[in-house]
Amino acid sequence: MLNVPHGKTYTTNELKDMVANSFDNLSERTISSGITSLVNMFETTPLGKELKVGVVEKKGNKRHVSKIGTNEIHPLVIGYILYKIGEERNITEFTVSQLYEEDWGSPYNLFGVSRERLENTLRYLQEKDLISVDLVAGLDNIRLKDYIKSIDIVDMIVRG
C-alpha cells in the first residue's frame, strides 16, 4: 500500500517484481500466490470497487491494477488511522503536512484522501472531541487525546 503511488497502473508481473525486490527471502510461488490473492480480492470486494485501493482491468490475458483511491472514507476510520499512527510512533502530535510527506500509512497513503477532505474530517473529529486540531493561519497541527486508543475508535465503529 505504501510503495505503490496513486494514479499508477501495474501489471501483476510488475507487482510480483516489486515484492521480490523488497523481500528477497520469499519464494517465487509465495509471491505469485500472494499477488494473485490480492488482485482477486480487489476484483471481488469493496477494496477495489468502492474504495479503489486496487482497481483491476483485464487487457488481453493480463490483469492491470491501479491505485486510484477515494475521499469517501468514514471519519472514524480516519480517526482510527491517526491513533494507530500515534501508537506505532509513540507520538500524540503531528501535522497534516507530515501525513502527505511521509510514508506513515496515513489516510492519503492508504486511500488517496485529499488534503481538503482530510482537513474537513479532522474538524469533524474535533467536534466529536476525538482530537484537537489547529487548521488556521498556516497551522496544520493534530493532537491526539492521551486517553483514547485506536481500539476505542474500533469500538465506536462497531457500536455504530
C-alpha atoms as a PDB file:
ATOM      1  CA  MET A   1       0.000   0.000   0.000  1.00  0.00           C
ATOM      2  CA  LEU A   2       2.742   2.454   0.873  1.00  0.00           C
ATOM      3  CA  ASN A   3       5.089   1.645  -2.006  1.00  0.00           C
ATOM      4  CA  VAL A   4       2.516   1.958  -4.777  1.00  0.00           C
ATOM      5  CA  PRO A   5       1.711   5.558  -5.701  1.00  0.00           C
ATOM      6  CA  HIS A   6      -1.789   6.740  -6.553  1.00  0.00           C
ATOM      7  CA  GLY A   7      -2.700   7.003 -10.209  1.00  0.00           C
ATOM      8  CA  LYS A   8      -0.150   4.487 -11.449  1.00  0.00           C
ATOM      9  CA  THR A   9      -1.061   1.190 -13.106  1.00  0.00           C
ATOM     10  CA  TYR A  10       0.907  -2.033 -12.715  1.00  0.00           C
ATOM     11  CA  THR A  11       0.622  -5.447 -14.279  1.00  0.00           C
ATOM     12  CA  THR A  12       0.530  -8.380 -11.892  1.00  0.00           C
ATOM     13  CA  ASN A  13       4.052  -9.274 -13.036  1.00  0.00           C
ATOM     14  CA  GLU A  14       5.292  -5.800 -12.107  1.00  0.00           C
ATOM     15  CA  LEU A  15       3.688  -6.154  -8.674  1.00  0.00           C
ATOM     16  CA  LYS A  16       5.370  -9.539  -8.226  1.00  0.00           C
ATOM     17  CA  ASP A  17       8.723  -7.986  -9.149  1.00  0.00           C
ATOM     18  CA  MET A  18       8.166  -5.201  -6.592  1.00  0.00           C
ATOM     19  CA  VAL A  19       7.519  -7.749  -3.858  1.00  0.00           C
ATOM     20  CA  ALA A  20      10.503  -9.872  -4.920  1.00  0.00           C
ATOM     21  CA  ASN A  21      12.764  -6.810  -4.782  1.00  0.00           C
ATOM     22  CA  SER A  22      11.507  -5.891  -1.323  1.00  0.00           C
ATOM     23  CA  PHE A  23      11.515  -9.398   0.196  1.00  0.00           C
ATOM     24  CA  ASP A  24      14.342 -11.490  -1.195  1.00  0.00           C
ATOM     25  CA  ASN A  25      13.623 -14.338   1.232  1.00  0.00           C
ATOM     26  CA  LEU A  26      10.235 -15.178  -0.328  1.00  0.00           C
ATOM     27  CA  SER A  27       9.883 -17.895  -2.923  1.00  0.00           C
ATOM     28  CA  GLU A  28       8.517 -17.114  -6.367  1.00  0.00           C
ATOM     29  CA  ARG A  29       5.498 -19.317  -5.630  1.00  0.00           C
ATOM     30  CA  THR A  30       4.741 -17.464  -2.385  1.00  0.00           C
ATOM     31  CA  ILE A  31       4.952 -14.112  -4.150  1.00  0.00           C
ATOM     32  CA  SER A  32       2.820 -15.272  -7.066  1.00  0.00           C
ATOM     33  CA  SER A  33       0.143 -16.745  -4.777  1.00  0.00           C
ATOM     34  CA  GLY A  34       0.061 -13.602  -2.659  1.00  0.00           C
ATOM     35  CA  ILE A  35      -0.295 -11.219  -5.606  1.00  0.00           C
ATOM     36  CA  THR A  36      -2.922 -13.436  -7.240  1.00  0.00           C
ATOM     37  CA  SER A  37      -4.930 -13.488  -3.999  1.00  0.00           C
ATOM     38  CA  LEU A  38      -4.572  -9.733  -3.570  1.00  0.00           C
ATOM     39  CA  VAL A  39      -5.731  -8.992  -7.122  1.00  0.00           C
ATOM     40  CA  ASN A  40      -8.647 -11.431  -6.734  1.00  0.00           C
ATOM     41  CA  MET A  41      -9.620  -9.616  -3.534  1.00  0.00           C
ATOM     42  CA  PHE A  42      -9.513  -6.262  -5.345  1.00  0.00           C
ATOM     43  CA  GLU A  43     -11.804  -7.679  -8.057  1.00  0.00           C
ATOM     44  CA  THR A  44     -14.377  -9.096  -5.654  1.00  0.00           C
ATOM     45  CA  THR A  45     -14.513  -6.760  -2.642  1.00  0.00           C
ATOM     46  CA  PRO A  46     -15.199  -3.092  -1.890  1.00  0.00           C
ATOM     47  CA  LEU A  47     -11.425  -2.525  -1.639  1.00  0.00           C
ATOM     48  CA  GLY A  48     -11.286  -2.469  -5.410  1.00  0.00           C
ATOM     49  CA  LYS A  49     -14.756  -1.490  -6.492  1.00  0.00           C
ATOM     50  CA  GLU A  50     -15.690   1.168  -3.947  1.00  0.00           C
ATOM     51  CA  LEU A  51     -12.522   2.269  -2.142  1.00  0.00           C
ATOM     52  CA  LYS A  52     -10.479   1.974  -5.345  1.00  0.00           C
ATOM     53  CA  VAL A  53      -7.385   0.815  -3.480  1.00  0.00           C
ATOM     54  CA  GLY A  54      -6.825  -1.595  -6.349  1.00  0.00           C
ATOM     55  CA  VAL A  55      -8.933  -1.240  -9.486  1.00  0.00           C
ATOM     56  CA  VAL A  56      -8.411  -4.225 -11.774  1.00  0.00           C
ATOM     57  CA  GLU A  57      -8.709  -4.087 -15.554  1.00  0.00           C
ATOM     58  CA  LYS A  58      -8.207  -7.011 -17.896  1.00  0.00           C
ATOM     59  CA  LYS A  59      -6.279  -6.222 -21.057  1.00  0.00           C
ATOM     60  CA  GLY A  60      -5.987  -9.303 -23.162  1.00  0.00           C
ATOM     61  CA  ASN A  61      -4.872 -12.092 -20.870  1.00  0.00           C
ATOM     62  CA  LYS A  62      -3.185  -9.741 -18.378  1.00  0.00           C
ATOM     63  CA  ARG A  63      -4.640  -8.010 -15.373  1.00  0.00           C
ATOM     64  CA  HIS A  64      -3.606  -4.440 -14.603  1.00  0.00           C
ATOM     65  CA  VAL A  65      -4.058  -2.892 -11.164  1.00  0.00           C
ATOM     66  CA  SER A  66      -4.416   0.843 -10.498  1.00  0.00           C
ATOM     67  CA  LYS A  67      -4.382   2.529  -7.112  1.00  0.00           C
ATOM     68  CA  ILE A  68      -6.891   5.348  -7.550  1.00  0.00           C
ATOM     69  CA  GLY A  69      -8.307   5.912  -4.083  1.00  0.00           C
ATOM     70  CA  THR A  70     -11.339   7.752  -2.792  1.00  0.00           C
ATOM     71  CA  ASN A  71     -12.358  10.560  -0.490  1.00  0.00           C
ATOM     72  CA  GLU A  72     -15.326   8.534   0.754  1.00  0.00           C
ATOM     73  CA  ILE A  73     -13.764   7.192   3.948  1.00  0.00           C
ATOM     74  CA  HIS A  74     -15.788   7.202   7.165  1.00  0.00           C
ATOM     75  CA  PRO A  75     -14.455   9.798   9.631  1.00  0.00           C
ATOM     76  CA  LEU A  76     -13.982   7.171  12.341  1.00  0.00           C
ATOM     77  CA  VAL A  77     -11.771   5.137  10.017  1.00  0.00           C
ATOM     78  CA  ILE A  78      -9.588   8.206   9.607  1.00  0.00           C
ATOM     79  CA  GLY A  79      -9.630   8.650  13.388  1.00  0.00           C
ATOM     80  CA  TYR A  80      -8.539   5.044  13.807  1.00  0.00           C
ATOM     81  CA  ILE A  81      -5.665   5.546  11.351  1.00  0.00           C
ATOM     82  CA  LEU A  82      -4.487   8.657  13.203  1.00  0.00           C
ATOM     83  CA  TYR A  83      -4.484   6.877  16.567  1.00  0.00           C
ATOM     84  CA  LYS A  84      -2.743   3.861  15.048  1.00  0.00           C
ATOM     85  CA  ILE A  85      -0.011   6.183  13.699  1.00  0.00           C
ATOM     86  CA  GLY A  86       0.318   7.723  17.159  1.00  0.00           C
ATOM     87  CA  GLU A  87       0.618   4.334  18.853  1.00  0.00           C
ATOM     88  CA  GLU A  88       3.098   2.932  16.355  1.00  0.00           C
ATOM     89  CA  ARG A  89       5.313   6.021  16.533  1.00  0.00           C
ATOM     90  CA  ASN A  90       4.709   6.753  20.212  1.00  0.00           C
ATOM     91  CA  ILE A  91       3.604  10.315  19.441  1.00  0.00           C
ATOM     92  CA  THR A  92       0.499  12.355  20.201  1.00  0.00           C
ATOM     93  CA  GLU A  93       1.227  15.355  17.983  1.00  0.00           C
ATOM     94  CA  PHE A  94       1.985  15.621  14.281  1.00  0.00           C
ATOM     95  CA  THR A  95       0.928  17.698  11.304  1.00  0.00           C
ATOM     96  CA  VAL A  96      -1.295  17.270   8.302  1.00  0.00           C
ATOM     97  CA  SER A  97       1.756  18.042   6.159  1.00  0.00           C
ATOM     98  CA  GLN A  98       3.607  15.054   7.626  1.00  0.00           C
ATOM     99  CA  LEU A  99       0.713  12.797   6.606  1.00  0.00           C
ATOM    100  CA  TYR A 100       1.268  13.855   2.992  1.00  0.00           C
ATOM    101  CA  GLU A 101       5.078  13.952   3.025  1.00  0.00           C
ATOM    102  CA  GLU A 102       5.982  10.789   4.913  1.00  0.00           C
ATOM    103  CA  ASP A 103       5.031   7.138   4.425  1.00  0.00           C
ATOM    104  CA  TRP A 104       3.140   6.741   7.663  1.00  0.00           C
ATOM    105  CA  GLY A 105       0.231   4.664   6.454  1.00  0.00           C
ATOM    106  CA  SER A 106      -1.838   7.840   6.523  1.00  0.00           C
ATOM    107  CA  PRO A 107      -5.329   8.294   5.067  1.00  0.00           C
ATOM    108  CA  TYR A 108      -3.628   9.677   1.950  1.00  0.00           C
ATOM    109  CA  ASN A 109      -1.120   6.819   1.611  1.00  0.00           C
ATOM    110  CA  LEU A 110      -3.813   4.216   2.125  1.00  0.00           C
ATOM    111  CA  PHE A 111      -6.875   5.656   0.410  1.00  0.00           C
ATOM    112  CA  GLY A 112      -5.799   8.762  -1.504  1.00  0.00           C
ATOM    113  CA  VAL A 113      -7.849  11.110   0.690  1.00  0.00           C
ATOM    114  CA  SER A 114      -7.383  14.681  -0.494  1.00  0.00           C
ATOM    115  CA  ARG A 115      -5.977  17.250   1.893  1.00  0.00           C
ATOM    116  CA  GLU A 116      -9.190  19.296   1.794  1.00  0.00           C
ATOM    117  CA  ARG A 117     -11.303  16.254   2.652  1.00  0.00           C
ATOM    118  CA  LEU A 118      -8.877  15.216   5.400  1.00  0.00           C
ATOM    119  CA  GLU A 119      -8.941  18.675   6.975  1.00  0.00           C
ATOM    120  CA  ASN A 120     -12.756  18.686   6.930  1.00  0.00           C
ATOM    121  CA  THR A 121     -12.742  15.268   8.570  1.00  0.00           C
ATOM    122  CA  LEU A 122     -10.258  16.472  11.192  1.00  0.00           C
ATOM    123  CA  ARG A 123     -12.631  19.329  12.049  1.00  0.00           C
ATOM    124  CA  TYR A 124     -15.460  16.811  12.402  1.00  0.00           C
ATOM    125  CA  LEU A 125     -13.341  14.600  14.686  1.00  0.00           C
ATOM    126  CA  GLN A 126     -12.520  17.664  16.772  1.00  0.00           C
ATOM    127  CA  GLU A 127     -16.245  18.473  17.098  1.00  0.00           C
ATOM    128  CA  LYS A 128     -16.732  14.920  18.390  1.00  0.00           C
ATOM    129  CA  ASP A 129     -13.907  15.564  20.933  1.00  0.00           C
ATOM    130  CA  LEU A 130     -11.716  12.790  19.497  1.00  0.00           C
ATOM    131  CA  ILE A 131      -8.762  15.013  18.539  1.00  0.00           C
ATOM    132  CA  SER A 132      -7.654  18.653  18.658  1.00  0.00           C
ATOM    133  CA  VAL A 133      -6.511  20.499  15.560  1.00  0.00           C
ATOM    134  CA  ASP A 134      -5.131  23.878  14.539  1.00  0.00           C
ATOM    135  CA  LEU A 135      -6.086  24.440  10.905  1.00  0.00           C
ATOM    136  CA  VAL A 136      -5.923  28.223  10.524  1.00  0.00           C
ATOM    137  CA  ALA A 137      -3.304  30.776   9.526  1.00  0.00           C
ATOM    138  CA  GLY A 138      -0.983  28.193   8.017  1.00  0.00           C
ATOM    139  CA  LEU A 139      -1.112  25.854  11.006  1.00  0.00           C
ATOM    140  CA  ASP A 140      -1.879  22.184  10.434  1.00  0.00           C
ATOM    141  CA  ASN A 141      -1.354  20.597  13.854  1.00  0.00           C
ATOM    142  CA  ILE A 142      -3.082  17.410  15.010  1.00  0.00           C
ATOM    143  CA  ARG A 143      -3.123  16.430  18.682  1.00  0.00           C
ATOM    144  CA  LEU A 144      -4.418  13.083  19.832  1.00  0.00           C
ATOM    145  CA  LYS A 145      -6.164  12.673  23.178  1.00  0.00           C
ATOM    146  CA  ASP A 146      -3.959  10.714  25.587  1.00  0.00           C
ATOM    147  CA  TYR A 147      -6.941   8.814  26.997  1.00  0.00           C
ATOM    148  CA  ILE A 148      -8.126   7.493  23.605  1.00  0.00           C
ATOM    149  CA  LYS A 149      -6.601   4.421  21.958  1.00  0.00           C
ATOM    150  CA  SER A 150      -7.144   3.030  18.459  1.00  0.00           C
ATOM    151  CA  ILE A 151      -9.195   0.162  19.907  1.00  0.00           C
ATOM    152  CA  ASP A 152     -11.597   2.753  21.368  1.00  0.00           C
ATOM    153  CA  ILE A 153     -12.214   4.031  17.839  1.00  0.00           C
ATOM    154  CA  VAL A 154     -12.862   0.454  16.676  1.00  0.00           C
ATOM    155  CA  ASP A 155     -15.444   0.139  19.472  1.00  0.00           C
ATOM    156  CA  MET A 156     -17.147   3.320  18.215  1.00  0.00           C
ATOM    157  CA  ILE A 157     -17.231   1.935  14.680  1.00  0.00           C
ATOM    158  CA  VAL A 158     -18.687  -1.387  15.815  1.00  0.00           C
ATOM    159  CA  ARG A 159     -21.296   0.267  18.039  1.00  0.00           C
ATOM    160  CA  GLY A 160     -22.338   2.465  15.128  1.00  0.00           C
END
